[in-house]
C-alpha atoms as a PDB file:
ATOM      1  CA  MET A   1     -10.320   0.903 -16.992  1.00  0.00           C
ATOM      2  CA  ALA A   2      -8.467  -2.355 -16.387  1.00  0.00           C
ATOM      3  CA  ALA A   3      -7.318  -2.424 -20.003  1.00  0.00           C
ATOM      4  CA  ALA A   4      -5.952   1.119 -19.731  1.00  0.00           C
ATOM      5  CA  PHE A   5      -4.181   0.230 -16.482  1.00  0.00           C
ATOM      6  CA  LEU A   6      -2.597  -2.855 -18.064  1.00  0.00           C
ATOM      7  CA  ALA A   7      -1.594  -0.904 -21.159  1.00  0.00           C
ATOM      8  CA  TYR A   8       0.099   1.869 -19.172  1.00  0.00           C
ATOM      9  CA  THR A   9       1.752  -0.619 -16.839  1.00  0.00           C
ATOM     10  CA  GLY A  10       3.017  -2.655 -19.785  1.00  0.00           C
ATOM     11  CA  TYR A  11       4.361   0.458 -21.451  1.00  0.00           C
ATOM     12  CA  TYR A  12       6.197   1.539 -18.317  1.00  0.00           C
ATOM     13  CA  PHE A  13       7.589  -1.964 -17.786  1.00  0.00           C
ATOM     14  CA  HIS A  14       8.824  -2.089 -21.373  1.00  0.00           C
ATOM     15  CA  SER A  15      10.400   1.368 -21.215  1.00  0.00           C
ATOM     16  CA  ASP A  16      12.109   0.560 -17.891  1.00  0.00           C
ATOM     17  CA  LEU A  17      13.369  -2.758 -19.251  1.00  0.00           C
ATOM     18  CA  VAL A  18      14.812  -1.110 -22.366  1.00  0.00           C
ATOM     19  CA  TYR A  19      16.389   1.572 -20.190  1.00  0.00           C
ATOM     20  CA  PHE A  20      18.087  -1.032 -18.008  1.00  0.00           C
ATOM     21  CA  LEU A  21      19.230  -3.081 -20.980  1.00  0.00           C
ATOM     22  CA  ASN A  22      20.851   0.000 -22.501  1.00  0.00           C
ATOM     23  CA  PHE A  23      22.313   1.626 -19.396  1.00  0.00           C
ATOM     24  CA  GLY A  24      22.007  -0.805 -16.451  1.00  0.00           C
ATOM     25  CA  PHE A  25      22.626   0.054 -12.811  1.00  0.00           C
ATOM     26  CA  GLY A  26      25.159  -2.051 -10.947  1.00  0.00           C
ATOM     27  CA  MET A  27      25.120  -5.778 -10.426  1.00  0.00           C
ATOM     28  CA  ASN A  28      21.601  -6.194  -9.075  1.00  0.00           C
ATOM     29  CA  ILE A  29      19.661  -5.187 -12.170  1.00  0.00           C
ATOM     30  CA  MET A  30      16.421  -7.014 -11.327  1.00  0.00           C
ATOM     31  CA  GLU A  31      15.999  -5.306  -7.964  1.00  0.00           C
ATOM     32  CA  ASN A  32      16.569  -1.884  -9.482  1.00  0.00           C
ATOM     33  CA  LEU A  33      14.281  -2.690 -12.422  1.00  0.00           C
ATOM     34  CA  TRP A  34      11.381  -3.704 -10.178  1.00  0.00           C
ATOM     35  CA  GLN A  35      11.909  -0.674  -8.008  1.00  0.00           C
ATOM     36  CA  LEU A  36      11.472   1.591 -11.033  1.00  0.00           C
ATOM     37  CA  VAL A  37       8.520  -0.416 -12.374  1.00  0.00           C
ATOM     38  CA  PHE A  38       6.637  -0.151  -9.081  1.00  0.00           C
ATOM     39  CA  MET A  39       7.328   3.585  -8.911  1.00  0.00           C
ATOM     40  CA  ASP A  40       5.755   3.901 -12.372  1.00  0.00           C
ATOM     41  CA  ILE A  41       2.785   1.724 -11.391  1.00  0.00           C
ATOM     42  CA  ARG A  42       2.277   4.020  -8.419  1.00  0.00           C
ATOM     43  CA  LEU A  43       2.044   6.952 -10.834  1.00  0.00           C
ATOM     44  CA  VAL A  44      -0.545   5.111 -12.941  1.00  0.00           C
ATOM     45  CA  LEU A  45      -2.610   4.313  -9.843  1.00  0.00           C
ATOM     46  CA  ILE A  46      -2.425   7.896  -8.603  1.00  0.00           C
ATOM     47  CA  LEU A  47      -3.927   9.027 -11.907  1.00  0.00           C
ATOM     48  CA  SER A  48      -6.423   6.220 -12.560  1.00  0.00           C
ATOM     49  CA  VAL A  49      -8.050   5.658  -9.150  1.00  0.00           C
ATOM     50  CA  PRO A  50      -9.487   9.205  -8.866  1.00  0.00           C
ATOM     51  CA  LEU A  51     -10.850   8.961 -12.417  1.00  0.00           C
ATOM     52  CA  LEU A  52     -12.607   5.690 -11.618  1.00  0.00           C
ATOM     53  CA  THR A  53     -13.934   7.041  -8.330  1.00  0.00           C
ATOM     54  CA  MET A  54     -15.275  10.220  -9.945  1.00  0.00           C
ATOM     55  CA  ARG A  55     -17.096   8.161 -12.569  1.00  0.00           C
ATOM     56  CA  LEU A  56     -18.666   5.881  -9.963  1.00  0.00           C
ATOM     57  CA  LEU A  57     -19.821   8.803  -7.843  1.00  0.00           C
ATOM     58  CA  ALA A  58     -21.281  10.549 -10.892  1.00  0.00           C
ATOM     59  CA  GLU A  59     -23.139   7.352 -11.801  1.00  0.00           C
ATOM     60  CA  GLU A  60     -24.573   7.071  -8.284  1.00  0.00           C
ATOM     61  CA  ARG A  61     -25.617  10.720  -8.337  1.00  0.00           C
ATOM     62  CA  ARG A  62     -27.275  10.291 -11.746  1.00  0.00           C
ATOM     63  CA  LEU A  63     -29.234   7.252 -10.537  1.00  0.00           C
ATOM     64  CA  GLY A  64     -30.242   9.074  -7.355  1.00  0.00           C
ATOM     65  CA  THR A  65     -28.769   6.435  -5.059  1.00  0.00           C
ATOM     66  CA  LEU A  66     -25.845   8.436  -3.690  1.00  0.00           C
ATOM     67  CA  GLU A  67     -27.636   9.399  -0.464  1.00  0.00           C
ATOM     68  CA  LEU A  68     -28.679   5.811   0.108  1.00  0.00           C
ATOM     69  CA  LEU A  69     -25.156   4.599  -0.539  1.00  0.00           C
ATOM     70  CA  VAL A  70     -23.605   7.131   1.844  1.00  0.00           C
ATOM     71  CA  THR A  71     -26.119   6.751   4.688  1.00  0.00           C
ATOM     72  CA  TYR A  72     -26.843   3.009   4.529  1.00  0.00           C
ATOM     73  CA  PRO A  73     -25.214   1.178   7.457  1.00  0.00           C
ATOM     74  CA  VAL A  74     -23.291  -1.863   6.287  1.00  0.00           C
ATOM     75  CA  LEU A  75     -22.191  -3.873   9.265  1.00  0.00           C
ATOM     76  CA  ARG A  76     -20.779  -7.095   7.865  1.00  0.00           C
ATOM     77  CA  PRO A  77     -18.194  -7.719   5.138  1.00  0.00           C
ATOM     78  CA  ARG A  78     -20.459 -10.513   3.884  1.00  0.00           C
ATOM     79  CA  ASP A  79     -23.091  -7.919   2.913  1.00  0.00           C
ATOM     80  CA  ARG A  80     -20.566  -5.906   0.920  1.00  0.00           C
ATOM     81  CA  ARG A  81     -19.440  -8.986  -1.005  1.00  0.00           C
ATOM     82  CA  GLY A  82     -23.048  -9.875  -1.747  1.00  0.00           C
ATOM     83  CA  GLU A  83     -23.808  -6.420  -3.087  1.00  0.00           C
ATOM     84  CA  ALA A  84     -20.704  -6.471  -5.281  1.00  0.00           C
ATOM     85  CA  ARG A  85     -21.765  -9.801  -6.787  1.00  0.00           C
ATOM     86  CA  ARG A  86     -25.324  -8.640  -7.349  1.00  0.00           C
ATOM     87  CA  LEU A  87     -24.484  -5.443  -9.270  1.00  0.00           C
ATOM     88  CA  PRO A  88     -23.356  -6.952 -12.613  1.00  0.00           C
ATOM     89  CA  ARG A  89     -26.482  -9.122 -12.863  1.00  0.00           C
ATOM     90  CA  ARG A  90     -28.796  -6.196 -12.192  1.00  0.00           C
ATOM     91  CA  ARG A  91     -27.206  -4.123 -14.968  1.00  0.00           C
ATOM     92  CA  ARG A  92     -27.646  -6.880 -17.582  1.00  0.00           C
ATOM     93  CA  ARG A  93     -31.420  -6.939 -17.202  1.00  0.00           C
ATOM     94  CA  CYS A  94     -31.842  -3.225 -17.979  1.00  0.00           C
END
């Protein structure tokens, strides 16, 4: 997913840069360029975040841990960081 995000973002940056080199908008080109780039990144995020979330929820449902994930009380941010670090190691052993 990160590779797709970087590819789309790079494509949009390149297309916006070429657009500004050909047409340009006023004296402050860099400000206008970054404004367009961040608008395009917003579009990529709007499309990619729901896809990632749907996949993660489907994975939890398939494993049968969705109810545990939704109802488990997590009180401290330290616990969330610990669980995030523990997940990649657990998947390698399977």
